[in-house]
Structure formats: structure tokens, C-alpha cells
Amino acid sequence: MFVGHEMLAFALVALAALRLGRSRPEALALGVAAGAFAAVPDVDMVYAPAGLLGLDSAGAFAAANAFWGASTVVHRAMTHSLVLAVPAALGFALAAHDARNRWLAAPVLLALVGVAAVASGLLGAFVMTVYVAAGALVAVFAARRLALGPREVAAVALAGLVTHPFGDLFTGDAPAFFYPFSNLVFDGRVALAADPTLHLLGAFGVELAAIWLGVLTYLHLTERSPWRHLNVRAAGGAAYALAAFVIAPPTLDTSYQFVFSVLAVGFVGVVPDWKRRLPSPPTAAVTGLAAVTVAGLAYAVAYVAA
């Protein structure tokens, strides 16, 4: 859900803003800010490269496993907390505006680092410091570039931070929703199917649905028809069904071949037409996403039928 988090927050906030009477440009700005804040919790991946230190094997799969293994040490913990999201959103909003508010933001954001230090030690304090810095930078961007007021920054920050953890319920370990408290909401990932490959395909479908929602929302806000940007070449993604007979059935633990190859199908969106003209960015995005969606569905059908 690295992309789905942002697209979901963008779409939900932008559509809500439009529903509440905001203009399309205003709704677009609010949605962009929410999407940016939804990316902030994943800065806890900053520790993941530590897994590559001292790696004996030079193989790509060994490196990938070491990278993701190290990421689980702090991933989806303090930065994915619904409890800490509230003071974090307040602190980010205060940090985005005048000097007086920045002084008020300092104790709020430093308190978050202190909580992480007490609950998770020096590593937790380090990750929370990166989280606080990233959120503050997004807040400054939202205030200065998108012209959002303090209350708007606080609202979209909260929306982005709170929606993010729910997108992680289908992959890996469940987020620590109530960190630093130990209350468990989910004791593991939410299974979409008993078959591990079908579960992966289901999670991939959830991701695609979130991205589609974001893309369609953007097109709606900019008053563009998605059909005008859909090229028939997207249907070529159906050929990816053959991959079901070539690559080993993917699971969450061995998904690299499937993920990288199916995403490569999306490059049909940027292929020039017969007049050697490059497609516009919206056309490339819609066509590429459609091709990946068709490829994923074709693979799922072939896997079930095989």
C-alpha cells in the first residue's frame, strides 16, 4: 500500500471537501496535502537499510529479505499509532505557520519523541524524530504552497495519519493502533483468502482499488473524462495470464517476481503512438493503470483455472 495510502487519503479528503461546498481547486489542494501526510508514517522504513549491513549473500532475494526483515523492527509501530496521530496533527499544524505557533509546536513534537524513547528506546526516538521532521516539512508545504490555514492543515494531517494504518491490515504485521499502549485491535493481518496466493492477489486488488479511486477523483476535480485518456492498448495486459504458468505462485513472502513483472505491464501507458507522439501524463497514467488491472485480473483467473 505504498501508493494506495496516499491515493486513498487524497480521494477521501478531496471528495469530502467538494461535498462540503469547497471549490474544485480548494478540494484538490486539501486532497494533495492529505495524500502527502498519508505518506509520512512510512518514514519508519528509514531503518530498513540497516538489514543490508553485513549481508553475506549478494543475491537480490537475500538482500530483499534482509531489507524487509530489518524493517519489521520498528515498522508499523509508533508512526502508525492512532493515539499519537492526534497530537502529531496538532503539532504539524502549529509548526507550519508563524513563529509564535512554532514555539508552541516544539513541546508537542518533542513530547512525541520522548514517548517513543520511553516505549521503544533510542531506535524509537530516532524513528519518531524522522517522523516529526517529515510531518513538519509536509505541513510547511501545505501552508506555503497550497495556502492552507492552521485548522485545514490540522484536519488534513489527521486524515492522512489516521487512514494510513488501515491500509496495512492485509500485508505483514498489523499496525500498533494504540501505541504506546498494548491494546490489540488485530492480532495479525486480515486474511482475504485461505490460499496465500489468492490473499496476495486480493491485497493487490485493494491497492489497485485505492489507486483507481485517487485517479478518478483527480480527473473529476480537473473535469476530465477518464474515457478520453484510456488507450485500447491497455487490453494487452490480458497476456499476463501466461505468467501463471511461468512464475511460481506468489505469496506475501515471495511476491517480488509477481509484483515487479505485473507493474512492468503498466509501461504500455508511456509507449508512443504510431505517430511517435508521447501520450499525455493523464493518458499514460490511466492506460498504464488499466493495463496493470487487466493483467492482475487475467493472472487471477489463470491461477484459479490452472
C-alpha atoms as a PDB file:
ATOM      1  CA  MET A   1       0.000   0.000   0.000  1.00  0.00           C
ATOM      2  CA  PHE A   2       2.904   2.383  -0.503  1.00  0.00           C
ATOM      3  CA  VAL A   3       0.918   4.265  -3.162  1.00  0.00           C
ATOM      4  CA  GLY A   4      -2.568   3.295  -2.061  1.00  0.00           C
ATOM      5  CA  HIS A   5      -2.216   5.082   1.294  1.00  0.00           C
ATOM      6  CA  GLU A   6      -1.674   8.420  -0.383  1.00  0.00           C
ATOM      7  CA  MET A   7      -4.300   7.950  -3.075  1.00  0.00           C
ATOM      8  CA  LEU A   8      -6.954   6.869  -0.598  1.00  0.00           C
ATOM      9  CA  ALA A   9      -6.358   9.841   1.717  1.00  0.00           C
ATOM     10  CA  PHE A  10      -6.272  12.189  -1.270  1.00  0.00           C
ATOM     11  CA  ALA A  11      -9.576  10.900  -2.631  1.00  0.00           C
ATOM     12  CA  LEU A  12     -11.448  10.780   0.685  1.00  0.00           C
ATOM     13  CA  VAL A  13     -10.440  14.309   1.714  1.00  0.00           C
ATOM     14  CA  ALA A  14     -10.899  15.854  -1.725  1.00  0.00           C
ATOM     15  CA  LEU A  15     -14.349  14.318  -2.224  1.00  0.00           C
ATOM     16  CA  ALA A  16     -15.410  15.276   1.310  1.00  0.00           C
ATOM     17  CA  ALA A  17     -14.242  18.847   0.737  1.00  0.00           C
ATOM     18  CA  LEU A  18     -16.166  19.009  -2.526  1.00  0.00           C
ATOM     19  CA  ARG A  19     -19.239  17.640  -0.799  1.00  0.00           C
ATOM     20  CA  LEU A  20     -18.952  20.329   1.889  1.00  0.00           C
ATOM     21  CA  GLY A  21     -19.042  23.080  -0.686  1.00  0.00           C
ATOM     22  CA  ARG A  22     -15.372  23.788  -1.323  1.00  0.00           C
ATOM     23  CA  SER A  23     -14.353  24.698  -4.874  1.00  0.00           C
ATOM     24  CA  ARG A  24     -12.579  22.135  -7.064  1.00  0.00           C
ATOM     25  CA  PRO A  25      -9.153  23.850  -6.710  1.00  0.00           C
ATOM     26  CA  GLU A  26      -9.590  24.038  -2.938  1.00  0.00           C
ATOM     27  CA  ALA A  27     -10.655  20.402  -2.739  1.00  0.00           C
ATOM     28  CA  LEU A  28      -7.673  19.444  -4.884  1.00  0.00           C
ATOM     29  CA  ALA A  29      -5.265  21.317  -2.585  1.00  0.00           C
ATOM     30  CA  LEU A  30      -6.753  19.719   0.529  1.00  0.00           C
ATOM     31  CA  GLY A  31      -6.577  16.281  -1.068  1.00  0.00           C
ATOM     32  CA  VAL A  32      -2.954  16.711  -2.122  1.00  0.00           C
ATOM     33  CA  ALA A  33      -1.995  17.746   1.410  1.00  0.00           C
ATOM     34  CA  ALA A  34      -3.840  14.775   2.918  1.00  0.00           C
ATOM     35  CA  GLY A  35      -2.099  12.412   0.498  1.00  0.00           C
ATOM     36  CA  ALA A  36       1.284  13.865   1.437  1.00  0.00           C
ATOM     37  CA  PHE A  37       0.567  13.413   5.144  1.00  0.00           C
ATOM     38  CA  ALA A  38      -0.536   9.829   4.484  1.00  0.00           C
ATOM     39  CA  ALA A  39       2.988   9.102   3.245  1.00  0.00           C
ATOM     40  CA  VAL A  40       4.609  10.295   6.475  1.00  0.00           C
ATOM     41  CA  PRO A  41       4.036   7.152   8.636  1.00  0.00           C
ATOM     42  CA  ASP A  42       6.155   5.059   6.291  1.00  0.00           C
ATOM     43  CA  VAL A  43       9.270   7.084   7.107  1.00  0.00           C
ATOM     44  CA  ASP A  44       9.816   4.379   9.728  1.00  0.00           C
ATOM     45  CA  MET A  45      11.311   2.411   6.819  1.00  0.00           C
ATOM     46  CA  VAL A  46      14.397   4.586   7.340  1.00  0.00           C
ATOM     47  CA  TYR A  47      15.776   1.786   9.499  1.00  0.00           C
ATOM     48  CA  ALA A  48      15.282  -0.930   6.862  1.00  0.00           C
ATOM     49  CA  PRO A  49      18.653  -0.400   5.069  1.00  0.00           C
ATOM     50  CA  ALA A  50      20.334  -1.498   8.300  1.00  0.00           C
ATOM     51  CA  GLY A  51      19.390  -5.029   7.288  1.00  0.00           C
ATOM     52  CA  LEU A  52      21.824  -4.815   4.365  1.00  0.00           C
ATOM     53  CA  LEU A  53      24.806  -4.193   6.643  1.00  0.00           C
ATOM     54  CA  GLY A  54      26.944  -7.254   6.976  1.00  0.00           C
ATOM     55  CA  LEU A  55      24.892  -9.199   4.418  1.00  0.00           C
ATOM     56  CA  ASP A  56      26.985 -12.141   3.206  1.00  0.00           C
ATOM     57  CA  SER A  57      24.999 -13.005   0.084  1.00  0.00           C
ATOM     58  CA  ALA A  58      24.954 -10.686  -2.931  1.00  0.00           C
ATOM     59  CA  GLY A  59      21.743 -12.202  -4.275  1.00  0.00           C
ATOM     60  CA  ALA A  60      18.790  -9.919  -4.958  1.00  0.00           C
ATOM     61  CA  PHE A  61      16.343 -12.070  -2.989  1.00  0.00           C
ATOM     62  CA  ALA A  62      18.657 -12.321   0.013  1.00  0.00           C
ATOM     63  CA  ALA A  63      19.071  -8.550   0.021  1.00  0.00           C
ATOM     64  CA  ALA A  64      15.325  -8.022  -0.269  1.00  0.00           C
ATOM     65  CA  ASN A  65      14.629 -10.396   2.612  1.00  0.00           C
ATOM     66  CA  ALA A  66      17.245  -8.700   4.779  1.00  0.00           C
ATOM     67  CA  PHE A  67      15.811  -5.272   3.940  1.00  0.00           C
ATOM     68  CA  TRP A  68      12.229  -6.221   4.805  1.00  0.00           C
ATOM     69  CA  GLY A  69      13.326  -8.219   7.835  1.00  0.00           C
ATOM     70  CA  ALA A  70      15.044  -5.177   9.320  1.00  0.00           C
ATOM     71  CA  SER A  71      12.033  -3.004   8.525  1.00  0.00           C
ATOM     72  CA  THR A  72       9.829  -5.069  10.840  1.00  0.00           C
ATOM     73  CA  VAL A  73      11.844  -3.980  13.880  1.00  0.00           C
ATOM     74  CA  VAL A  74      10.049  -0.623  14.061  1.00  0.00           C
ATOM     75  CA  HIS A  75       7.734  -0.595  11.052  1.00  0.00           C
ATOM     76  CA  ARG A  76       4.037  -0.018  11.770  1.00  0.00           C
ATOM     77  CA  ALA A  77       4.658   0.887  15.387  1.00  0.00           C
ATOM     78  CA  MET A  78       4.854   4.451  16.743  1.00  0.00           C
ATOM     79  CA  THR A  79       4.358   6.141  13.351  1.00  0.00           C
ATOM     80  CA  HIS A  80       1.156   4.155  12.738  1.00  0.00           C
ATOM     81  CA  SER A  81      -0.438   4.941  16.095  1.00  0.00           C
ATOM     82  CA  LEU A  82      -3.927   6.454  16.111  1.00  0.00           C
ATOM     83  CA  VAL A  83      -3.209   7.698  19.629  1.00  0.00           C
ATOM     84  CA  LEU A  84      -0.147   9.694  18.581  1.00  0.00           C
ATOM     85  CA  ALA A  85      -1.753  10.865  15.334  1.00  0.00           C
ATOM     86  CA  VAL A  86      -3.882  13.427  17.179  1.00  0.00           C
ATOM     87  CA  PRO A  87      -1.068  15.364  18.922  1.00  0.00           C
ATOM     88  CA  ALA A  88       1.094  14.904  15.816  1.00  0.00           C
ATOM     89  CA  ALA A  89      -1.514  16.570  13.596  1.00  0.00           C
ATOM     90  CA  LEU A  90      -1.787  19.430  16.091  1.00  0.00           C
ATOM     91  CA  GLY A  91       1.988  19.814  16.277  1.00  0.00           C
ATOM     92  CA  PHE A  92       2.372  19.784  12.496  1.00  0.00           C
ATOM     93  CA  ALA A  93      -0.306  22.456  12.100  1.00  0.00           C
ATOM     94  CA  LEU A  94       1.383  24.668  14.706  1.00  0.00           C
ATOM     95  CA  ALA A  95       4.787  24.176  13.074  1.00  0.00           C
ATOM     96  CA  ALA A  96       3.533  25.310   9.674  1.00  0.00           C
ATOM     97  CA  HIS A  97       2.716  28.918  10.408  1.00  0.00           C
ATOM     98  CA  ASP A  98       4.065  31.943  12.276  1.00  0.00           C
ATOM     99  CA  ALA A  99       6.965  31.933  14.729  1.00  0.00           C
ATOM    100  CA  ARG A 100       4.701  32.072  17.786  1.00  0.00           C
ATOM    101  CA  ASN A 101       2.927  28.878  16.764  1.00  0.00           C
ATOM    102  CA  ARG A 102       6.250  27.191  16.034  1.00  0.00           C
ATOM    103  CA  TRP A 103       7.279  27.746  19.647  1.00  0.00           C
ATOM    104  CA  LEU A 104       4.043  26.086  20.705  1.00  0.00           C
ATOM    105  CA  ALA A 105       4.689  23.192  18.306  1.00  0.00           C
ATOM    106  CA  ALA A 106       8.100  22.394  19.780  1.00  0.00           C
ATOM    107  CA  PRO A 107       6.937  20.906  23.110  1.00  0.00           C
ATOM    108  CA  VAL A 108       4.183  18.903  21.382  1.00  0.00           C
ATOM    109  CA  LEU A 109       6.527  17.335  18.853  1.00  0.00           C
ATOM    110  CA  LEU A 110       9.326  16.824  21.372  1.00  0.00           C
ATOM    111  CA  ALA A 111       6.848  15.059  23.648  1.00  0.00           C
ATOM    112  CA  LEU A 112       6.169  12.568  20.857  1.00  0.00           C
ATOM    113  CA  VAL A 113       9.885  11.832  20.608  1.00  0.00           C
ATOM    114  CA  GLY A 114      10.010  11.418  24.389  1.00  0.00           C
ATOM    115  CA  VAL A 115       7.134   8.938  24.383  1.00  0.00           C
ATOM    116  CA  ALA A 116       8.826   6.880  21.662  1.00  0.00           C
ATOM    117  CA  ALA A 117      12.113   6.956  23.595  1.00  0.00           C
ATOM    118  CA  VAL A 118      10.466   5.651  26.774  1.00  0.00           C
ATOM    119  CA  ALA A 119       8.444   2.982  24.976  1.00  0.00           C
ATOM    120  CA  SER A 120      10.937   1.857  22.341  1.00  0.00           C
ATOM    121  CA  GLY A 121      14.366   3.127  23.320  1.00  0.00           C
ATOM    122  CA  LEU A 122      16.858   5.071  21.225  1.00  0.00           C
ATOM    123  CA  LEU A 123      15.749   3.467  17.959  1.00  0.00           C
ATOM    124  CA  GLY A 124      12.171   4.503  18.645  1.00  0.00           C
ATOM    125  CA  ALA A 125      13.286   8.053  19.436  1.00  0.00           C
ATOM    126  CA  PHE A 126      15.290   8.169  16.199  1.00  0.00           C
ATOM    127  CA  VAL A 127      12.357   6.975  14.073  1.00  0.00           C
ATOM    128  CA  MET A 128       9.956   9.367  15.787  1.00  0.00           C
ATOM    129  CA  THR A 129      12.367  12.248  15.172  1.00  0.00           C
ATOM    130  CA  VAL A 130      12.361  11.455  11.461  1.00  0.00           C
ATOM    131  CA  TYR A 131       8.555  11.187  11.554  1.00  0.00           C
ATOM    132  CA  VAL A 132       8.215  14.562  13.263  1.00  0.00           C
ATOM    133  CA  ALA A 133      10.612  16.215  10.822  1.00  0.00           C
ATOM    134  CA  ALA A 134       8.850  14.747   7.790  1.00  0.00           C
ATOM    135  CA  GLY A 135       5.424  15.784   9.048  1.00  0.00           C
ATOM    136  CA  ALA A 136       6.614  19.311   9.783  1.00  0.00           C
ATOM    137  CA  LEU A 137       8.027  19.627   6.253  1.00  0.00           C
ATOM    138  CA  VAL A 138       4.723  18.473   4.731  1.00  0.00           C
ATOM    139  CA  ALA A 139       2.880  20.953   6.942  1.00  0.00           C
ATOM    140  CA  VAL A 140       5.091  23.827   5.760  1.00  0.00           C
ATOM    141  CA  PHE A 141       4.467  22.760   2.163  1.00  0.00           C
ATOM    142  CA  ALA A 142       0.711  22.671   2.776  1.00  0.00           C
ATOM    143  CA  ALA A 143       0.716  26.115   4.381  1.00  0.00           C
ATOM    144  CA  ARG A 144       3.030  27.904   1.977  1.00  0.00           C
ATOM    145  CA  ARG A 145       2.493  26.193  -1.354  1.00  0.00           C
ATOM    146  CA  LEU A 146      -1.127  25.103  -1.010  1.00  0.00           C
ATOM    147  CA  ALA A 147      -2.211  28.120   1.082  1.00  0.00           C
ATOM    148  CA  LEU A 148      -3.943  26.052   3.761  1.00  0.00           C
ATOM    149  CA  GLY A 149      -4.757  27.616   7.122  1.00  0.00           C
ATOM    150  CA  PRO A 150      -3.787  26.088  10.509  1.00  0.00           C
ATOM    151  CA  ARG A 151      -7.136  24.346  11.008  1.00  0.00           C
ATOM    152  CA  GLU A 152      -7.047  22.961   7.479  1.00  0.00           C
ATOM    153  CA  VAL A 153      -3.511  21.659   7.961  1.00  0.00           C
ATOM    154  CA  ALA A 154      -4.513  20.003  11.235  1.00  0.00           C
ATOM    155  CA  ALA A 155      -7.588  18.408   9.641  1.00  0.00           C
ATOM    156  CA  VAL A 156      -5.832  17.007   6.570  1.00  0.00           C
ATOM    157  CA  ALA A 157      -2.856  15.891   8.654  1.00  0.00           C
ATOM    158  CA  LEU A 158      -5.156  13.944  10.948  1.00  0.00           C
ATOM    159  CA  ALA A 159      -6.983  12.440   7.965  1.00  0.00           C
ATOM    160  CA  GLY A 160      -3.770  11.303   6.326  1.00  0.00           C
ATOM    161  CA  LEU A 161      -2.229   9.903   9.507  1.00  0.00           C
ATOM    162  CA  VAL A 162      -5.382   8.118  10.690  1.00  0.00           C
ATOM    163  CA  THR A 163      -6.323   6.497   7.369  1.00  0.00           C
ATOM    164  CA  HIS A 164      -2.811   5.168   6.725  1.00  0.00           C
ATOM    165  CA  PRO A 165      -2.675   2.244   9.216  1.00  0.00           C
ATOM    166  CA  PHE A 166      -5.883   0.658   7.951  1.00  0.00           C
ATOM    167  CA  GLY A 167      -4.333   0.086   4.548  1.00  0.00           C
ATOM    168  CA  ASP A 168      -1.711  -2.149   6.187  1.00  0.00           C
ATOM    169  CA  LEU A 169      -4.156  -4.681   7.584  1.00  0.00           C
ATOM    170  CA  PHE A 170      -3.774  -7.043   4.632  1.00  0.00           C
ATOM    171  CA  THR A 171       0.023  -7.254   4.472  1.00  0.00           C
ATOM    172  CA  GLY A 172       2.638  -8.012   7.113  1.00  0.00           C
ATOM    173  CA  ASP A 173       2.032  -7.473  10.796  1.00  0.00           C
ATOM    174  CA  ALA A 174      -0.962  -5.472  11.985  1.00  0.00           C
ATOM    175  CA  PRO A 175      -0.166  -1.835  12.897  1.00  0.00           C
ATOM    176  CA  ALA A 176       0.120  -0.840  16.548  1.00  0.00           C
ATOM    177  CA  PHE A 177      -3.066   1.244  16.507  1.00  0.00           C
ATOM    178  CA  PHE A 178      -2.859   2.203  20.195  1.00  0.00           C
ATOM    179  CA  TYR A 179       0.918   2.582  20.630  1.00  0.00           C
ATOM    180  CA  PRO A 180       2.394   3.182  23.218  1.00  0.00           C
ATOM    181  CA  PHE A 181      -0.374   1.168  24.890  1.00  0.00           C
ATOM    182  CA  SER A 182      -0.548  -2.569  24.302  1.00  0.00           C
ATOM    183  CA  ASN A 183      -4.243  -2.791  23.422  1.00  0.00           C
ATOM    184  CA  LEU A 184      -4.604  -5.117  20.441  1.00  0.00           C
ATOM    185  CA  VAL A 185      -7.233  -4.487  17.787  1.00  0.00           C
ATOM    186  CA  PHE A 186      -5.960  -7.131  15.386  1.00  0.00           C
ATOM    187  CA  ASP A 187      -3.559  -9.896  16.399  1.00  0.00           C
ATOM    188  CA  GLY A 188      -2.365 -10.349  12.823  1.00  0.00           C
ATOM    189  CA  ARG A 189      -3.104  -9.450   9.241  1.00  0.00           C
ATOM    190  CA  VAL A 190      -6.670  -9.669   7.952  1.00  0.00           C
ATOM    191  CA  ALA A 191      -6.866 -12.712   5.683  1.00  0.00           C
ATOM    192  CA  LEU A 192      -8.712 -12.210   2.412  1.00  0.00           C
ATOM    193  CA  ALA A 193      -8.419 -15.881   1.477  1.00  0.00           C
ATOM    194  CA  ALA A 194      -7.062 -19.097   2.964  1.00  0.00           C
ATOM    195  CA  ASP A 195      -4.900 -19.631  -0.126  1.00  0.00           C
ATOM    196  CA  PRO A 196      -1.786 -17.433   0.320  1.00  0.00           C
ATOM    197  CA  THR A 197      -1.626 -16.599  -3.388  1.00  0.00           C
ATOM    198  CA  LEU A 198      -5.268 -15.568  -3.516  1.00  0.00           C
ATOM    199  CA  HIS A 199      -4.686 -13.473  -0.403  1.00  0.00           C
ATOM    200  CA  LEU A 200      -1.819 -11.671  -2.144  1.00  0.00           C
ATOM    201  CA  LEU A 201      -3.953 -11.115  -5.243  1.00  0.00           C
ATOM    202  CA  GLY A 202      -6.745  -9.782  -3.043  1.00  0.00           C
ATOM    203  CA  ALA A 203      -4.373  -7.353  -1.315  1.00  0.00           C
ATOM    204  CA  PHE A 204      -3.086  -6.300  -4.732  1.00  0.00           C
ATOM    205  CA  GLY A 205      -6.688  -5.679  -5.760  1.00  0.00           C
ATOM    206  CA  VAL A 206      -7.280  -3.493  -2.690  1.00  0.00           C
ATOM    207  CA  GLU A 207      -4.215  -1.452  -3.606  1.00  0.00           C
ATOM    208  CA  LEU A 208      -5.400  -1.031  -7.191  1.00  0.00           C
ATOM    209  CA  ALA A 209      -8.865  -0.001  -5.993  1.00  0.00           C
ATOM    210  CA  ALA A 210      -7.352   2.740  -3.803  1.00  0.00           C
ATOM    211  CA  ILE A 211      -5.214   3.990  -6.688  1.00  0.00           C
ATOM    212  CA  TRP A 212      -8.180   3.975  -9.073  1.00  0.00           C
ATOM    213  CA  LEU A 213     -10.206   5.976  -6.549  1.00  0.00           C
ATOM    214  CA  GLY A 214      -7.440   8.566  -6.391  1.00  0.00           C
ATOM    215  CA  VAL A 215      -7.006   8.774 -10.157  1.00  0.00           C
ATOM    216  CA  LEU A 216     -10.739   9.070 -10.828  1.00  0.00           C
ATOM    217  CA  THR A 217     -11.062  11.714  -8.109  1.00  0.00           C
ATOM    218  CA  TYR A 218      -8.275  13.760  -9.691  1.00  0.00           C
ATOM    219  CA  LEU A 219      -9.888  13.510 -13.114  1.00  0.00           C
ATOM    220  CA  HIS A 220     -13.221  14.543 -11.610  1.00  0.00           C
ATOM    221  CA  LEU A 221     -11.715  17.570  -9.869  1.00  0.00           C
ATOM    222  CA  THR A 222      -9.962  18.658 -13.055  1.00  0.00           C
ATOM    223  CA  GLU A 223     -13.138  17.999 -15.105  1.00  0.00           C
ATOM    224  CA  ARG A 224     -11.608  15.393 -17.377  1.00  0.00           C
ATOM    225  CA  SER A 225     -13.253  12.248 -18.661  1.00  0.00           C
ATOM    226  CA  PRO A 226     -11.319   9.043 -17.880  1.00  0.00           C
ATOM    227  CA  TRP A 227     -12.503   7.543 -21.175  1.00  0.00           C
ATOM    228  CA  ARG A 228     -10.656  10.230 -23.110  1.00  0.00           C
ATOM    229  CA  HIS A 229      -7.402   9.085 -21.530  1.00  0.00           C
ATOM    230  CA  LEU A 230      -7.876   5.326 -21.881  1.00  0.00           C
ATOM    231  CA  ASN A 231      -5.974   3.715 -24.755  1.00  0.00           C
ATOM    232  CA  VAL A 232      -7.068   0.362 -26.155  1.00  0.00           C
ATOM    233  CA  ARG A 233      -3.537  -0.953 -25.691  1.00  0.00           C
ATOM    234  CA  ALA A 234      -4.405  -1.465 -22.009  1.00  0.00           C
ATOM    235  CA  ALA A 235      -6.231  -4.635 -23.085  1.00  0.00           C
ATOM    236  CA  GLY A 236      -2.823  -6.123 -23.866  1.00  0.00           C
ATOM    237  CA  GLY A 237      -2.408  -6.678 -20.146  1.00  0.00           C
ATOM    238  CA  ALA A 238      -4.550  -9.784 -20.544  1.00  0.00           C
ATOM    239  CA  ALA A 239      -1.491 -11.553 -21.972  1.00  0.00           C
ATOM    240  CA  TYR A 240      -0.042 -11.530 -18.463  1.00  0.00           C
ATOM    241  CA  ALA A 241      -2.261 -14.554 -17.745  1.00  0.00           C
ATOM    242  CA  LEU A 242       0.583 -16.622 -19.216  1.00  0.00           C
ATOM    243  CA  ALA A 243       2.686 -15.679 -16.179  1.00  0.00           C
ATOM    244  CA  ALA A 244       0.567 -18.062 -14.102  1.00  0.00           C
ATOM    245  CA  PHE A 245       2.311 -20.915 -15.945  1.00  0.00           C
ATOM    246  CA  VAL A 246       5.810 -19.407 -15.794  1.00  0.00           C
ATOM    247  CA  ILE A 247       6.428 -17.935 -12.341  1.00  0.00           C
ATOM    248  CA  ALA A 248       5.936 -19.705  -9.029  1.00  0.00           C
ATOM    249  CA  PRO A 249       2.641 -18.815  -7.308  1.00  0.00           C
ATOM    250  CA  PRO A 250       3.418 -15.644  -5.351  1.00  0.00           C
ATOM    251  CA  THR A 251       2.686 -15.091  -1.678  1.00  0.00           C
ATOM    252  CA  LEU A 252       3.360 -12.182   0.664  1.00  0.00           C
ATOM    253  CA  ASP A 253       6.734 -13.754   1.477  1.00  0.00           C
ATOM    254  CA  THR A 254       7.721 -14.359  -2.161  1.00  0.00           C
ATOM    255  CA  SER A 255       5.956 -11.646  -4.108  1.00  0.00           C
ATOM    256  CA  TYR A 256       8.852  -9.951  -5.893  1.00  0.00           C
ATOM    257  CA  GLN A 257       8.625 -11.690  -9.258  1.00  0.00           C
ATOM    258  CA  PHE A 258       4.883 -11.112  -9.484  1.00  0.00           C
ATOM    259  CA  VAL A 259       4.871  -7.519  -8.276  1.00  0.00           C
ATOM    260  CA  PHE A 260       7.759  -6.296 -10.412  1.00  0.00           C
ATOM    261  CA  SER A 261       6.613  -8.100 -13.555  1.00  0.00           C
ATOM    262  CA  VAL A 262       2.947  -7.096 -13.317  1.00  0.00           C
ATOM    263  CA  LEU A 263       3.880  -3.476 -12.663  1.00  0.00           C
ATOM    264  CA  ALA A 264       6.117  -3.568 -15.733  1.00  0.00           C
ATOM    265  CA  VAL A 265       2.974  -4.145 -17.786  1.00  0.00           C
ATOM    266  CA  GLY A 266       1.951  -0.591 -16.896  1.00  0.00           C
ATOM    267  CA  PHE A 267       4.683   0.808 -19.107  1.00  0.00           C
ATOM    268  CA  VAL A 268       2.359   0.324 -22.095  1.00  0.00           C
ATOM    269  CA  GLY A 269       0.875   3.614 -20.946  1.00  0.00           C
ATOM    270  CA  VAL A 270       4.010   5.568 -21.859  1.00  0.00           C
ATOM    271  CA  VAL A 271       4.677   3.927 -25.235  1.00  0.00           C
ATOM    272  CA  PRO A 272       4.445   6.482 -28.096  1.00  0.00           C
ATOM    273  CA  ASP A 273       1.617   6.052 -30.614  1.00  0.00           C
ATOM    274  CA  TRP A 274       2.109   5.229 -34.300  1.00  0.00           C
ATOM    275  CA  LYS A 275       2.853   8.893 -34.972  1.00  0.00           C
ATOM    276  CA  ARG A 276       5.686   8.655 -32.423  1.00  0.00           C
ATOM    277  CA  ARG A 277       3.951  11.061 -30.059  1.00  0.00           C
ATOM    278  CA  LEU A 278       4.273  10.518 -26.344  1.00  0.00           C
ATOM    279  CA  PRO A 279       0.936  10.236 -24.504  1.00  0.00           C
ATOM    280  CA  SER A 280      -0.088  12.979 -22.109  1.00  0.00           C
ATOM    281  CA  PRO A 281       0.545  12.289 -18.389  1.00  0.00           C
ATOM    282  CA  PRO A 282      -3.160  11.589 -17.678  1.00  0.00           C
ATOM    283  CA  THR A 283      -3.367   9.209 -20.636  1.00  0.00           C
ATOM    284  CA  ALA A 284      -0.173   7.434 -19.614  1.00  0.00           C
ATOM    285  CA  ALA A 285      -1.420   7.079 -16.021  1.00  0.00           C
ATOM    286  CA  VAL A 286      -4.920   5.855 -16.873  1.00  0.00           C
ATOM    287  CA  THR A 287      -3.773   3.485 -19.623  1.00  0.00           C
ATOM    288  CA  GLY A 288      -0.918   2.098 -17.544  1.00  0.00           C
ATOM    289  CA  LEU A 289      -3.135   1.570 -14.502  1.00  0.00           C
ATOM    290  CA  ALA A 290      -5.791  -0.091 -16.648  1.00  0.00           C
ATOM    291  CA  ALA A 291      -3.183  -2.411 -18.157  1.00  0.00           C
ATOM    292  CA  VAL A 292      -1.943  -3.443 -14.703  1.00  0.00           C
ATOM    293  CA  THR A 293      -5.533  -4.018 -13.549  1.00  0.00           C
ATOM    294  CA  VAL A 294      -6.302  -6.193 -16.574  1.00  0.00           C
ATOM    295  CA  ALA A 295      -3.042  -8.084 -16.020  1.00  0.00           C
ATOM    296  CA  GLY A 296      -3.840  -8.727 -12.371  1.00  0.00           C
ATOM    297  CA  LEU A 297      -7.331  -9.971 -13.172  1.00  0.00           C
ATOM    298  CA  ALA A 298      -6.037 -12.170 -16.006  1.00  0.00           C
ATOM    299  CA  TYR A 299      -3.421 -13.698 -13.720  1.00  0.00           C
ATOM    300  CA  ALA A 300      -6.019 -14.367 -11.009  1.00  0.00           C
ATOM    301  CA  VAL A 301      -8.342 -16.100 -13.472  1.00  0.00           C
ATOM    302  CA  ALA A 302      -5.496 -18.192 -14.885  1.00  0.00           C
ATOM    303  CA  TYR A 303      -4.279 -19.134 -11.393  1.00  0.00           C
ATOM    304  CA  VAL A 304      -7.741 -20.272 -10.280  1.00  0.00           C
ATOM    305  CA  ALA A 305      -8.317 -22.166 -13.514  1.00  0.00           C
ATOM    306  CA  ALA A 306      -4.898 -23.850 -13.513  1.00  0.00           C
END
